[in-house]
Amino acid sequence: MNEDVFNTSLRGFLKKVGITSQREIEKAVRDAVANGSLKGHEKLPAKMVLTIGGVSLSHEISGEIELG
């Protein structure tokens, strides 16, 4: 395994995950506030599940997103 190639590829994947996830969350929250489903001061439970084929990895990360 080439560690440099692996590291570069992994970082690129994680950057894509972070950027696209943030955009999707922001859009969903703004839409919910706009249509009245949220007031804008809630704390929202959040969960991300990471799966990687070929190595049987499934990792769950839970947290909370505070709207203020």
Protein backbone atom coordinates (compact mmCIF):
# COMPACT_ATOMS: atom_id res chain seq x y z
CA MET A 1 0.00 0.00 0.00
CA ASN A 2 1.26 3.46 -0.88
CA GLU A 3 0.74 5.53 2.28
CA ASP A 4 0.93 8.86 0.43
CA VAL A 5 -1.71 7.87 -2.11
CA PHE A 6 -3.94 6.44 0.63
CA ASN A 7 -3.59 9.53 2.82
CA THR A 8 -4.30 11.92 -0.06
CA SER A 9 -7.33 9.93 -1.16
CA LEU A 10 -8.67 9.65 2.39
CA ARG A 11 -8.28 13.38 3.03
CA GLY A 12 -10.05 14.17 -0.25
CA PHE A 13 -12.94 11.91 0.67
CA LEU A 14 -13.27 13.41 4.16
CA LYS A 15 -13.16 16.94 2.76
CA LYS A 16 -15.96 16.07 0.33
CA VAL A 17 -17.99 14.52 3.16
CA GLY A 18 -17.53 17.58 5.37
CA ILE A 19 -18.38 20.16 2.72
CA THR A 20 -21.39 18.37 1.26
CA SER A 21 -22.74 17.40 4.68
CA GLN A 22 -22.55 20.99 5.91
CA ARG A 23 -24.36 22.28 2.82
CA GLU A 24 -27.14 19.70 3.13
CA ILE A 25 -27.63 20.35 6.85
CA GLU A 26 -27.71 24.12 6.35
CA LYS A 27 -30.25 23.81 3.54
CA ALA A 28 -32.50 21.44 5.49
CA VAL A 29 -32.44 23.62 8.61
CA ARG A 30 -33.06 26.85 6.70
CA ASP A 31 -35.97 25.25 4.83
CA ALA A 32 -37.45 23.94 8.08
CA VAL A 33 -37.20 27.37 9.72
CA ALA A 34 -38.73 29.00 6.64
CA ASN A 35 -41.71 26.64 6.57
CA GLY A 36 -42.26 26.81 10.33
CA SER A 37 -41.21 23.25 11.18
CA LEU A 38 -38.44 24.70 13.35
CA LYS A 39 -38.43 27.91 15.38
CA GLY A 40 -34.67 28.44 15.08
CA HIS A 41 -33.58 27.88 18.68
CA GLU A 42 -33.75 24.08 18.89
CA LYS A 43 -31.02 21.54 19.52
CA LEU A 44 -31.20 18.85 16.88
CA PRO A 45 -29.92 15.31 17.42
CA ALA A 46 -27.57 14.28 14.65
CA LYS A 47 -26.05 10.98 13.60
CA MET A 48 -23.55 10.12 10.88
CA VAL A 49 -22.87 6.54 9.87
CA LEU A 50 -19.65 5.83 8.00
CA THR A 51 -19.37 2.58 6.12
CA ILE A 52 -16.41 1.38 4.07
CA GLY A 53 -16.79 -1.67 1.90
CA GLY A 54 -14.02 -4.20 1.69
CA VAL A 55 -12.96 -3.78 5.31
CA SER A 56 -16.31 -4.28 7.09
CA LEU A 57 -16.16 -0.84 8.71
CA SER A 58 -19.32 0.70 10.12
CA HIS A 59 -18.79 3.60 12.51
CA GLU A 60 -21.54 5.75 14.02
CA ILE A 61 -20.98 9.28 15.30
CA SER A 62 -23.74 10.95 17.31
CA GLY A 63 -24.00 14.52 18.43
CA GLU A 64 -26.18 17.58 18.59
CA ILE A 65 -26.53 20.64 16.39
CA GLU A 66 -27.61 23.74 18.29
CA LEU A 67 -29.45 26.41 16.33
CA GLY A 68 -29.15 29.09 18.97
